[in-house]
């Protein structure tokens, strides 16, 4: 009887921990971008995030931004995949919800892009991709 109670208590504790972890993973995603751009988007940030996660289901979204790129309003998601160096970048059209780009960026590419954006920011120019 005692063993059974211990087993039930262990299973209950595991389920509670699992539920707490699942809740923590559903923390609201913060998407960078201006209020003006967010007002123009037809697709919500949460919907776009679900679309991006569907493209890279084993990954975790590290950063998200709503921006204009090549005249299109897009959500850009940086997704870290376990066991893979660098990040996967997924772009979702903010008007249609279509994935318009998906590429893997190596750590060297990430560093090069960050350096280019820092230089543009120092010169007072908005970053472009």
N, C-alpha and C. Protein backbone atom coordinates (compact mmCIF):
# COMPACT_ATOMS: atom_id res chain seq x y z
N UNK A 1 0.83 -1.20 0.00
CA UNK A 1 0.00 0.00 0.00
C UNK A 1 0.87 1.25 0.00
N UNK A 2 1.93 1.23 0.83
CA UNK A 2 2.81 2.37 0.93
C UNK A 2 3.51 2.63 -0.41
N UNK A 3 3.93 1.58 -1.09
CA UNK A 3 4.58 1.71 -2.39
C UNK A 3 3.63 2.31 -3.42
N UNK A 4 2.37 1.90 -3.32
CA UNK A 4 1.37 2.42 -4.25
C UNK A 4 1.15 3.91 -4.04
N UNK A 5 1.08 4.33 -2.80
CA UNK A 5 0.91 5.74 -2.48
C UNK A 5 2.11 6.56 -2.94
N UNK A 6 3.29 6.00 -2.76
CA UNK A 6 4.51 6.68 -3.21
C UNK A 6 4.49 6.83 -4.72
N UNK A 7 4.07 5.78 -5.42
CA UNK A 7 3.99 5.82 -6.87
C UNK A 7 2.98 6.88 -7.33
N UNK A 8 1.81 6.89 -6.70
CA UNK A 8 0.78 7.87 -7.05
C UNK A 8 1.29 9.29 -6.78
N UNK A 9 1.95 9.49 -5.65
CA UNK A 9 2.48 10.81 -5.33
C UNK A 9 3.55 11.22 -6.33
N UNK A 10 4.40 10.31 -6.74
CA UNK A 10 5.45 10.61 -7.71
C UNK A 10 4.86 10.98 -9.06
N UNK A 11 3.85 10.22 -9.49
CA UNK A 11 3.20 10.52 -10.77
C UNK A 11 2.51 11.88 -10.70
N UNK A 12 1.84 12.16 -9.61
CA UNK A 12 1.16 13.45 -9.46
C UNK A 12 2.16 14.59 -9.49
N UNK A 13 3.28 14.42 -8.81
CA UNK A 13 4.32 15.46 -8.80
C UNK A 13 4.88 15.67 -10.20
N UNK A 14 5.11 14.58 -10.92
CA UNK A 14 5.63 14.70 -12.29
C UNK A 14 4.64 15.42 -13.20
N UNK A 15 3.35 15.12 -13.05
CA UNK A 15 2.34 15.79 -13.86
C UNK A 15 2.27 17.28 -13.54
N UNK A 16 2.36 17.62 -12.26
CA UNK A 16 2.34 19.04 -11.88
C UNK A 16 3.55 19.77 -12.44
N UNK A 17 4.72 19.16 -12.36
CA UNK A 17 5.93 19.78 -12.91
C UNK A 17 5.80 19.95 -14.42
N UNK A 18 5.27 18.95 -15.08
CA UNK A 18 5.08 19.00 -16.53
C UNK A 18 4.12 20.12 -16.91
N UNK A 19 3.03 20.26 -16.15
CA UNK A 19 2.05 21.32 -16.43
C UNK A 19 2.67 22.69 -16.19
N UNK A 20 3.46 22.83 -15.14
CA UNK A 20 4.11 24.11 -14.85
C UNK A 20 5.10 24.47 -15.94
N UNK A 21 5.85 23.49 -16.43
CA UNK A 21 6.81 23.73 -17.50
C UNK A 21 6.09 24.13 -18.78
N UNK A 22 5.02 23.45 -19.11
CA UNK A 22 4.25 23.78 -20.32
C UNK A 22 3.70 25.20 -20.23
N UNK A 23 3.22 25.59 -19.05
CA UNK A 23 2.71 26.95 -18.86
C UNK A 23 3.81 27.98 -19.02
N UNK A 24 4.98 27.69 -18.48
CA UNK A 24 6.11 28.63 -18.57
C UNK A 24 6.55 28.80 -20.01
N UNK A 25 6.46 27.75 -20.82
CA UNK A 25 6.86 27.83 -22.21
C UNK A 25 5.86 28.62 -23.04
N UNK A 26 4.67 28.83 -22.53
CA UNK A 26 3.66 29.59 -23.26
C UNK A 26 3.64 31.06 -22.85
N UNK A 27 4.73 31.54 -22.30
CA UNK A 27 4.80 32.95 -21.92
C UNK A 27 4.58 33.80 -23.16
N UNK A 28 3.96 34.95 -23.01
CA UNK A 28 3.67 35.78 -24.17
C UNK A 28 4.95 36.14 -24.94
N UNK A 29 4.87 36.02 -26.23
CA UNK A 29 5.99 36.33 -27.09
C UNK A 29 6.04 37.84 -27.32
N UNK A 30 7.20 38.41 -27.10
CA UNK A 30 7.36 39.85 -27.34
C UNK A 30 7.91 40.02 -28.74
N UNK A 31 7.19 40.79 -29.54
CA UNK A 31 7.60 41.03 -30.92
C UNK A 31 7.99 42.49 -31.05
N UNK A 32 9.25 42.70 -31.43
CA UNK A 32 9.75 44.06 -31.63
C UNK A 32 9.10 44.64 -32.89
N UNK A 33 8.94 45.94 -32.89
CA UNK A 33 8.36 46.63 -34.04
C UNK A 33 7.51 47.79 -33.56
N UNK A 34 7.33 48.74 -34.44
CA UNK A 34 6.58 49.94 -34.05
C UNK A 34 5.08 49.66 -33.98
N UNK A 35 4.40 50.50 -33.22
CA UNK A 35 2.95 50.39 -33.10
C UNK A 35 2.28 50.63 -34.45
N UNK A 36 2.86 51.50 -35.25
CA UNK A 36 2.30 51.78 -36.58
C UNK A 36 2.33 50.54 -37.46
N UNK A 37 3.45 49.80 -37.42
CA UNK A 37 3.54 48.57 -38.21
C UNK A 37 2.58 47.52 -37.67
N UNK A 38 2.49 47.41 -36.36
CA UNK A 38 1.59 46.43 -35.76
C UNK A 38 0.14 46.71 -36.12
N UNK A 39 -0.22 47.99 -36.27
CA UNK A 39 -1.58 48.35 -36.65
C UNK A 39 -1.89 47.96 -38.10
N UNK A 40 -0.87 47.91 -38.93
CA UNK A 40 -1.06 47.55 -40.35
C UNK A 40 -1.19 46.05 -40.57
N UNK A 41 -0.60 45.25 -39.69
CA UNK A 41 -0.55 43.80 -39.88
C UNK A 41 -1.94 43.19 -39.80
N UNK A 42 -2.26 42.32 -40.75
CA UNK A 42 -3.54 41.60 -40.74
C UNK A 42 -3.43 40.31 -39.93
N UNK A 43 -2.23 39.76 -39.85
CA UNK A 43 -1.99 38.53 -39.11
C UNK A 43 -1.41 38.91 -37.74
N UNK A 44 -1.94 38.33 -36.68
CA UNK A 44 -1.42 38.65 -35.33
C UNK A 44 -0.03 38.04 -35.15
N UNK A 45 0.70 38.59 -34.22
CA UNK A 45 2.02 38.07 -33.91
C UNK A 45 1.96 36.63 -33.42
N UNK A 46 0.95 36.31 -32.60
CA UNK A 46 0.80 34.94 -32.11
C UNK A 46 0.52 33.96 -33.25
N UNK A 47 -0.32 34.37 -34.20
CA UNK A 47 -0.61 33.50 -35.35
C UNK A 47 0.64 33.30 -36.20
N UNK A 48 1.37 34.39 -36.42
CA UNK A 48 2.61 34.30 -37.21
C UNK A 48 3.63 33.40 -36.50
N UNK A 49 3.70 33.48 -35.18
CA UNK A 49 4.62 32.64 -34.42
C UNK A 49 4.25 31.16 -34.56
N UNK A 50 2.95 30.85 -34.53
CA UNK A 50 2.51 29.46 -34.72
C UNK A 50 2.89 28.96 -36.12
N UNK A 51 2.77 29.82 -37.11
CA UNK A 51 3.14 29.46 -38.48
C UNK A 51 4.64 29.19 -38.56
N UNK A 52 5.43 30.06 -37.96
CA UNK A 52 6.89 29.89 -37.97
C UNK A 52 7.29 28.61 -37.24
N UNK A 53 6.66 28.35 -36.09
CA UNK A 53 6.96 27.13 -35.33
C UNK A 53 6.57 25.89 -36.12
N UNK A 54 5.55 25.98 -36.95
CA UNK A 54 5.16 24.86 -37.80
C UNK A 54 6.23 24.55 -38.83
N UNK A 55 7.00 25.57 -39.21
CA UNK A 55 8.08 25.39 -40.17
C UNK A 55 9.29 24.75 -39.51
N UNK A 56 9.53 25.08 -38.24
CA UNK A 56 10.66 24.53 -37.47
C UNK A 56 10.10 24.01 -36.15
N UNK A 57 9.40 22.87 -36.18
CA UNK A 57 8.67 22.42 -34.99
C UNK A 57 9.52 22.06 -33.79
N UNK A 58 10.78 21.69 -33.98
CA UNK A 58 11.61 21.32 -32.83
C UNK A 58 12.34 22.49 -32.22
N UNK A 59 12.21 23.67 -32.82
CA UNK A 59 12.94 24.84 -32.35
C UNK A 59 12.20 25.67 -31.33
N UNK A 60 12.94 26.62 -30.76
CA UNK A 60 12.40 27.57 -29.79
C UNK A 60 12.64 28.98 -30.31
N UNK A 61 11.60 29.79 -30.34
CA UNK A 61 11.73 31.15 -30.83
C UNK A 61 12.56 31.95 -29.82
N UNK A 62 13.66 32.54 -30.32
CA UNK A 62 14.57 33.33 -29.49
C UNK A 62 14.27 34.82 -29.61
N UNK A 63 13.84 35.26 -30.79
CA UNK A 63 13.56 36.67 -31.02
C UNK A 63 12.53 36.78 -32.14
N UNK A 64 11.78 37.88 -32.11
CA UNK A 64 10.77 38.12 -33.13
C UNK A 64 10.67 39.62 -33.38
N UNK A 65 10.43 39.96 -34.64
CA UNK A 65 10.33 41.37 -35.02
C UNK A 65 9.35 41.52 -36.17
N UNK A 66 8.60 42.60 -36.14
CA UNK A 66 7.73 42.99 -37.25
C UNK A 66 8.43 44.13 -37.96
N UNK A 67 8.69 43.95 -39.25
CA UNK A 67 9.46 44.95 -39.99
C UNK A 67 9.04 44.98 -41.45
N UNK A 68 9.50 46.02 -42.13
CA UNK A 68 9.30 46.11 -43.57
C UNK A 68 10.60 45.70 -44.24
N UNK A 69 10.51 44.73 -45.14
CA UNK A 69 11.68 44.25 -45.85
C UNK A 69 11.31 44.11 -47.33
N UNK A 70 12.07 44.78 -48.17
CA UNK A 70 11.81 44.77 -49.62
C UNK A 70 10.36 45.14 -49.93
N UNK A 71 9.83 46.11 -49.19
CA UNK A 71 8.48 46.60 -49.43
C UNK A 71 7.37 45.74 -48.86
N UNK A 72 7.71 44.66 -48.17
CA UNK A 72 6.71 43.77 -47.57
C UNK A 72 6.75 43.88 -46.06
N UNK A 73 5.59 43.83 -45.45
CA UNK A 73 5.49 43.81 -44.00
C UNK A 73 5.60 42.35 -43.57
N UNK A 74 6.66 42.04 -42.80
CA UNK A 74 6.89 40.64 -42.41
C UNK A 74 7.22 40.53 -40.93
N UNK A 75 6.93 39.35 -40.41
CA UNK A 75 7.40 38.96 -39.09
C UNK A 75 8.67 38.15 -39.33
N UNK A 76 9.72 38.47 -38.60
CA UNK A 76 10.96 37.71 -38.67
C UNK A 76 11.15 37.01 -37.34
N UNK A 77 11.30 35.68 -37.40
CA UNK A 77 11.49 34.88 -36.19
C UNK A 77 12.87 34.22 -36.24
N UNK A 78 13.61 34.36 -35.16
CA UNK A 78 14.89 33.67 -35.01
C UNK A 78 14.62 32.47 -34.12
N UNK A 79 14.85 31.28 -34.68
CA UNK A 79 14.48 30.04 -34.00
C UNK A 79 15.73 29.20 -33.77
N UNK A 80 15.96 28.84 -32.51
CA UNK A 80 17.10 27.99 -32.14
C UNK A 80 16.63 26.54 -32.15
N UNK A 81 17.39 25.71 -32.89
CA UNK A 81 17.07 24.29 -32.99
C UNK A 81 18.07 23.51 -32.15
N UNK A 82 17.60 22.66 -31.23
CA UNK A 82 18.51 21.89 -30.40
C UNK A 82 19.47 21.04 -31.25
N UNK A 83 20.74 21.04 -30.86
CA UNK A 83 21.74 20.24 -31.55
C UNK A 83 22.24 20.83 -32.86
N UNK A 84 21.85 22.06 -33.16
CA UNK A 84 22.23 22.71 -34.41
C UNK A 84 22.82 24.07 -34.07
N UNK A 85 24.01 24.37 -34.60
CA UNK A 85 24.60 25.68 -34.30
C UNK A 85 23.90 26.75 -35.13
N UNK A 86 23.96 27.98 -34.67
CA UNK A 86 23.30 29.08 -35.38
C UNK A 86 21.81 29.09 -35.11
N UNK A 87 21.08 29.75 -36.02
CA UNK A 87 19.63 29.86 -35.88
C UNK A 87 18.96 29.64 -37.23
N UNK A 88 17.70 29.31 -37.19
CA UNK A 88 16.87 29.30 -38.38
C UNK A 88 16.07 30.60 -38.35
N UNK A 89 16.09 31.30 -39.46
CA UNK A 89 15.30 32.53 -39.56
C UNK A 89 14.11 32.25 -40.47
N UNK A 90 12.92 32.51 -39.94
CA UNK A 90 11.69 32.29 -40.69
C UNK A 90 10.97 33.62 -40.82
N UNK A 91 10.62 33.99 -42.06
CA UNK A 91 9.88 35.22 -42.32
C UNK A 91 8.46 34.86 -42.73
N UNK A 92 7.49 35.48 -42.05
CA UNK A 92 6.08 35.25 -42.31
C UNK A 92 5.45 36.56 -42.76
N UNK A 93 4.77 36.55 -43.91
CA UNK A 93 4.10 37.74 -44.43
C UNK A 93 3.01 38.15 -43.43
N UNK A 94 3.06 39.39 -42.97
CA UNK A 94 2.14 39.89 -41.95
C UNK A 94 0.75 40.18 -42.51
N UNK A 95 0.61 40.13 -43.82
CA UNK A 95 -0.70 40.37 -44.43
C UNK A 95 -1.42 39.07 -44.79
N UNK A 96 -0.64 38.03 -45.17
CA UNK A 96 -1.24 36.79 -45.65
C UNK A 96 -0.97 35.58 -44.77
N UNK A 97 0.07 35.62 -43.95
CA UNK A 97 0.43 34.48 -43.13
C UNK A 97 1.26 33.44 -43.87
N UNK A 98 1.71 33.76 -45.08
CA UNK A 98 2.51 32.83 -45.86
C UNK A 98 3.98 32.94 -45.45
N UNK A 99 4.66 31.80 -45.34
CA UNK A 99 6.10 31.81 -45.06
C UNK A 99 6.79 32.26 -46.35
N UNK A 100 7.46 33.41 -46.30
CA UNK A 100 8.11 33.95 -47.50
C UNK A 100 9.60 33.64 -47.55
N UNK A 101 10.18 33.21 -46.43
CA UNK A 101 11.59 32.83 -46.42
C UNK A 101 11.87 31.97 -45.20
N UNK A 102 12.81 31.05 -45.39
CA UNK A 102 13.28 30.21 -44.28
C UNK A 102 14.71 29.84 -44.61
N UNK A 103 15.63 30.29 -43.76
CA UNK A 103 17.04 29.96 -44.00
C UNK A 103 17.74 29.73 -42.68
N UNK A 104 18.80 28.94 -42.75
CA UNK A 104 19.63 28.70 -41.57
C UNK A 104 20.80 29.68 -41.62
N UNK A 105 21.07 30.33 -40.50
CA UNK A 105 22.21 31.25 -40.40
C UNK A 105 23.23 30.65 -39.44
N UNK A 106 24.46 30.54 -39.92
CA UNK A 106 25.55 30.04 -39.09
C UNK A 106 25.95 31.11 -38.08
N UNK A 107 26.69 30.73 -37.04
CA UNK A 107 27.17 31.74 -36.08
C UNK A 107 27.98 32.84 -36.77
N UNK A 108 28.76 32.49 -37.80
CA UNK A 108 29.55 33.51 -38.52
C UNK A 108 28.63 34.49 -39.25
N UNK A 109 27.56 33.99 -39.87
CA UNK A 109 26.61 34.87 -40.55
C UNK A 109 25.90 35.78 -39.56
N UNK A 110 25.55 35.25 -38.41
CA UNK A 110 24.88 36.05 -37.37
C UNK A 110 25.79 37.18 -36.91
N UNK A 111 27.05 36.87 -36.67
CA UNK A 111 28.01 37.88 -36.23
C UNK A 111 28.20 38.95 -37.30
N UNK A 112 28.30 38.56 -38.55
CA UNK A 112 28.47 39.51 -39.65
C UNK A 112 27.26 40.44 -39.76
N UNK A 113 26.05 39.87 -39.64
CA UNK A 113 24.83 40.67 -39.71
C UNK A 113 24.74 41.64 -38.54
N UNK A 114 25.09 41.18 -37.34
CA UNK A 114 25.05 42.05 -36.15
C UNK A 114 26.03 43.20 -36.29
N UNK A 115 27.20 42.93 -36.84
CA UNK A 115 28.21 43.98 -37.03
C UNK A 115 27.71 45.02 -38.03
N UNK A 116 27.10 44.57 -39.13
CA UNK A 116 26.58 45.48 -40.15
C UNK A 116 25.46 46.35 -39.57
N UNK A 117 24.59 45.75 -38.76
CA UNK A 117 23.50 46.53 -38.15
C UNK A 117 24.04 47.53 -37.14
N UNK A 118 25.07 47.17 -36.39
CA UNK A 118 25.67 48.09 -35.41
C UNK A 118 26.30 49.28 -36.12
N UNK A 119 26.95 49.05 -37.25
CA UNK A 119 27.56 50.14 -38.02
C UNK A 119 26.48 51.08 -38.54
N UNK A 120 25.41 50.53 -39.09
CA UNK A 120 24.31 51.37 -39.60
C UNK A 120 23.66 52.16 -38.47
N UNK A 121 23.49 51.51 -37.33
CA UNK A 121 22.88 52.20 -36.18
C UNK A 121 23.77 53.34 -35.72
N UNK A 122 25.08 53.13 -35.72
CA UNK A 122 26.02 54.17 -35.30
C UNK A 122 25.98 55.35 -36.26
N UNK A 123 25.70 55.08 -37.51
CA UNK A 123 25.62 56.16 -38.51
C UNK A 123 24.24 56.80 -38.54
N UNK A 124 23.32 56.28 -37.72
CA UNK A 124 21.99 56.87 -37.65
C UNK A 124 21.05 56.40 -38.73
N UNK A 125 21.40 55.32 -39.41
CA UNK A 125 20.54 54.78 -40.46
C UNK A 125 19.78 53.58 -39.90
N UNK A 126 18.52 53.42 -40.32
CA UNK A 126 17.78 52.23 -39.86
C UNK A 126 18.37 50.98 -40.50
N UNK A 127 18.41 49.86 -39.74
CA UNK A 127 18.96 48.62 -40.31
C UNK A 127 18.09 48.09 -41.44
N UNK A 128 18.71 47.57 -42.47
CA UNK A 128 18.00 46.95 -43.56
C UNK A 128 18.55 45.56 -43.75
N UNK A 129 17.76 44.74 -44.42
CA UNK A 129 18.19 43.35 -44.66
C UNK A 129 18.30 43.12 -46.12
